[in-house]
């Protein structure tokens, strides 16, 4: 069942996330990076990928989530520097909300990858 209310920056949602080659998609968690005002004025939401595939050495723009349980994630996870927009109707459900510290880490990831 899709989410029916506006999301906020730092919410963690379940969404069909497209592969970067557009060959398909995988249902995965993502962090909302657009704010509620953006979503009230648009039919879409801007998201950043979250993955539980943690490499021994984090790659460019990757950062660990500290309070993954509090965010509704099932396993330790990493912010992955892949951004995309999706219609709000495609968001399956809200899993949780990032802690204040993880929201700050998310802002740092965005600053790092976007400049």
C-alpha atoms as a PDB file:
ATOM      1  CA  UNK A   1       0.000   0.000   0.000  1.00  0.00           C
ATOM      2  CA  UNK A   2       1.533   3.350  -1.054  1.00  0.00           C
ATOM      3  CA  UNK A   3       2.322   6.133   1.399  1.00  0.00           C
ATOM      4  CA  UNK A   4      -0.460   8.710   1.509  1.00  0.00           C
ATOM      5  CA  UNK A   5       1.200  11.546   3.463  1.00  0.00           C
ATOM      6  CA  UNK A   6       4.130  13.796   2.583  1.00  0.00           C
ATOM      7  CA  UNK A   7       7.546  12.571   3.610  1.00  0.00           C
ATOM      8  CA  UNK A   8      10.208  14.573   5.403  1.00  0.00           C
ATOM      9  CA  UNK A   9      13.953  14.808   4.932  1.00  0.00           C
ATOM     10  CA  UNK A  10      15.500  11.787   6.652  1.00  0.00           C
ATOM     11  CA  UNK A  11      12.518   9.463   6.379  1.00  0.00           C
ATOM     12  CA  UNK A  12      13.459   5.961   5.258  1.00  0.00           C
ATOM     13  CA  UNK A  13      11.040   4.494   2.734  1.00  0.00           C
ATOM     14  CA  UNK A  14      10.694   1.289   0.757  1.00  0.00           C
ATOM     15  CA  UNK A  15      10.617   1.927  -3.001  1.00  0.00           C
ATOM     16  CA  UNK A  16      11.230   0.226  -6.332  1.00  0.00           C
ATOM     17  CA  UNK A  17      14.715   1.584  -7.005  1.00  0.00           C
ATOM     18  CA  UNK A  18      15.819   1.511 -10.679  1.00  0.00           C
ATOM     19  CA  UNK A  19      19.140   0.009 -11.714  1.00  0.00           C
ATOM     20  CA  UNK A  20      21.438   2.701 -13.087  1.00  0.00           C
ATOM     21  CA  UNK A  21      21.428   0.992 -16.516  1.00  0.00           C
ATOM     22  CA  UNK A  22      17.593   1.123 -16.430  1.00  0.00           C
ATOM     23  CA  UNK A  23      17.466  -2.662 -17.079  1.00  0.00           C
ATOM     24  CA  UNK A  24      15.218  -3.259 -14.090  1.00  0.00           C
ATOM     25  CA  UNK A  25      14.663  -2.405 -10.485  1.00  0.00           C
ATOM     26  CA  UNK A  26      14.972  -3.778  -6.990  1.00  0.00           C
ATOM     27  CA  UNK A  27      12.777  -3.001  -4.035  1.00  0.00           C
ATOM     28  CA  UNK A  28      15.072  -1.337  -1.498  1.00  0.00           C
ATOM     29  CA  UNK A  29      15.127   1.221   1.266  1.00  0.00           C
ATOM     30  CA  UNK A  30      15.975   4.796   0.422  1.00  0.00           C
ATOM     31  CA  UNK A  31      16.419   8.018   2.353  1.00  0.00           C
ATOM     32  CA  UNK A  32      14.166  10.937   1.480  1.00  0.00           C
ATOM     33  CA  UNK A  33      16.348  13.959   0.695  1.00  0.00           C
ATOM     34  CA  UNK A  34      13.658  16.381  -0.447  1.00  0.00           C
ATOM     35  CA  UNK A  35      11.630  18.165   2.208  1.00  0.00           C
ATOM     36  CA  UNK A  36       7.885  18.165   2.909  1.00  0.00           C
ATOM     37  CA  UNK A  37       7.417  21.555   1.201  1.00  0.00           C
ATOM     38  CA  UNK A  38       8.910  20.106  -1.998  1.00  0.00           C
ATOM     39  CA  UNK A  39       6.539  17.135  -1.880  1.00  0.00           C
ATOM     40  CA  UNK A  40       3.487  19.332  -1.241  1.00  0.00           C
ATOM     41  CA  UNK A  41       4.240  21.140  -4.490  1.00  0.00           C
ATOM     42  CA  UNK A  42       5.327  18.202  -6.625  1.00  0.00           C
ATOM     43  CA  UNK A  43       4.121  14.696  -7.348  1.00  0.00           C
ATOM     44  CA  UNK A  44       7.596  13.254  -6.853  1.00  0.00           C
ATOM     45  CA  UNK A  45      10.140  12.782  -4.078  1.00  0.00           C
ATOM     46  CA  UNK A  46      13.955  12.858  -4.267  1.00  0.00           C
ATOM     47  CA  UNK A  47      15.680   9.796  -2.784  1.00  0.00           C
ATOM     48  CA  UNK A  48      19.144   8.449  -2.004  1.00  0.00           C
ATOM     49  CA  UNK A  49      19.825   4.699  -2.033  1.00  0.00           C
ATOM     50  CA  UNK A  50      20.532   2.707   1.120  1.00  0.00           C
ATOM     51  CA  UNK A  51      22.139  -0.726   0.916  1.00  0.00           C
ATOM     52  CA  UNK A  52      23.071  -3.476   3.345  1.00  0.00           C
ATOM     53  CA  UNK A  53      25.929  -4.509   1.040  1.00  0.00           C
ATOM     54  CA  UNK A  54      28.806  -3.064   3.051  1.00  0.00           C
ATOM     55  CA  UNK A  55      32.236  -3.260   1.463  1.00  0.00           C
ATOM     56  CA  UNK A  56      35.337  -3.488   3.680  1.00  0.00           C
ATOM     57  CA  UNK A  57      36.422  -0.069   2.409  1.00  0.00           C
ATOM     58  CA  UNK A  58      33.598   2.380   1.764  1.00  0.00           C
ATOM     59  CA  UNK A  59      33.534   3.954  -1.687  1.00  0.00           C
ATOM     60  CA  UNK A  60      33.193   7.560  -2.756  1.00  0.00           C
ATOM     61  CA  UNK A  61      30.120   9.160  -1.180  1.00  0.00           C
ATOM     62  CA  UNK A  62      29.278   6.151   0.980  1.00  0.00           C
ATOM     63  CA  UNK A  63      28.720   6.401   4.737  1.00  0.00           C
ATOM     64  CA  UNK A  64      27.520   4.000   7.402  1.00  0.00           C
ATOM     65  CA  UNK A  65      24.203   4.523   9.149  1.00  0.00           C
ATOM     66  CA  UNK A  66      24.797   4.536  12.909  1.00  0.00           C
ATOM     67  CA  UNK A  67      21.257   3.841  14.152  1.00  0.00           C
ATOM     68  CA  UNK A  68      20.024   1.511  11.431  1.00  0.00           C
ATOM     69  CA  UNK A  69      17.505  -0.213  13.709  1.00  0.00           C
ATOM     70  CA  UNK A  70      15.949   3.114  14.693  1.00  0.00           C
ATOM     71  CA  UNK A  71      15.544   3.937  11.001  1.00  0.00           C
ATOM     72  CA  UNK A  72      13.568   0.730  10.448  1.00  0.00           C
ATOM     73  CA  UNK A  73      16.341  -1.052   8.555  1.00  0.00           C
ATOM     74  CA  UNK A  74      16.814  -4.808   8.951  1.00  0.00           C
ATOM     75  CA  UNK A  75      20.632  -4.838   8.830  1.00  0.00           C
ATOM     76  CA  UNK A  76      23.596  -2.489   9.218  1.00  0.00           C
ATOM     77  CA  UNK A  77      23.441  -0.275   6.148  1.00  0.00           C
ATOM     78  CA  UNK A  78      25.270   2.294   4.056  1.00  0.00           C
ATOM     79  CA  UNK A  79      24.132   5.448   2.293  1.00  0.00           C
ATOM     80  CA  UNK A  80      24.938   4.851  -1.359  1.00  0.00           C
ATOM     81  CA  UNK A  81      25.562   7.922  -3.569  1.00  0.00           C
ATOM     82  CA  UNK A  82      22.804   7.149  -6.056  1.00  0.00           C
ATOM     83  CA  UNK A  83      20.025   9.721  -6.328  1.00  0.00           C
ATOM     84  CA  UNK A  84      16.732   9.486  -8.145  1.00  0.00           C
ATOM     85  CA  UNK A  85      13.225  10.858  -8.167  1.00  0.00           C
ATOM     86  CA  UNK A  86      10.069   8.805  -7.969  1.00  0.00           C
ATOM     87  CA  UNK A  87       6.404   9.636  -7.918  1.00  0.00           C
ATOM     88  CA  UNK A  88       5.172   9.626  -4.343  1.00  0.00           C
ATOM     89  CA  UNK A  89       2.634   6.958  -5.323  1.00  0.00           C
ATOM     90  CA  UNK A  90       5.545   4.506  -5.892  1.00  0.00           C
ATOM     91  CA  UNK A  91       6.687   4.671  -2.265  1.00  0.00           C
ATOM     92  CA  UNK A  92       5.577   1.396  -0.701  1.00  0.00           C
ATOM     93  CA  UNK A  93       5.830   2.330   2.967  1.00  0.00           C
ATOM     94  CA  UNK A  94       7.759   4.347   5.513  1.00  0.00           C
ATOM     95  CA  UNK A  95      10.195   2.145   7.437  1.00  0.00           C
ATOM     96  CA  UNK A  96      11.326   4.782   9.946  1.00  0.00           C
ATOM     97  CA  UNK A  97      13.251   8.017  10.316  1.00  0.00           C
ATOM     98  CA  UNK A  98      17.000   8.563  10.493  1.00  0.00           C
ATOM     99  CA  UNK A  99      18.375   9.711  13.840  1.00  0.00           C
ATOM    100  CA  UNK A 100      19.673  13.274  14.101  1.00  0.00           C
ATOM    101  CA  UNK A 101      23.246  12.021  13.772  1.00  0.00           C
ATOM    102  CA  UNK A 102      22.387   9.962  10.682  1.00  0.00           C
ATOM    103  CA  UNK A 103      20.543  12.938   9.152  1.00  0.00           C
ATOM    104  CA  UNK A 104      23.737  14.956   9.617  1.00  0.00           C
ATOM    105  CA  UNK A 105      25.736  12.158   7.972  1.00  0.00           C
ATOM    106  CA  UNK A 106      23.238  12.184   5.094  1.00  0.00           C
ATOM    107  CA  UNK A 107      23.712  15.961   4.686  1.00  0.00           C
ATOM    108  CA  UNK A 108      27.494  15.407   4.623  1.00  0.00           C
ATOM    109  CA  UNK A 109      27.117  12.692   1.962  1.00  0.00           C
ATOM    110  CA  UNK A 110      25.024  15.067  -0.164  1.00  0.00           C
ATOM    111  CA  UNK A 111      27.584  17.857   0.281  1.00  0.00           C
ATOM    112  CA  UNK A 112      30.365  15.463  -0.674  1.00  0.00           C
ATOM    113  CA  UNK A 113      28.725  14.143  -3.835  1.00  0.00           C
ATOM    114  CA  UNK A 114      27.041  17.367  -4.988  1.00  0.00           C
ATOM    115  CA  UNK A 115      29.649  19.906  -3.894  1.00  0.00           C
END
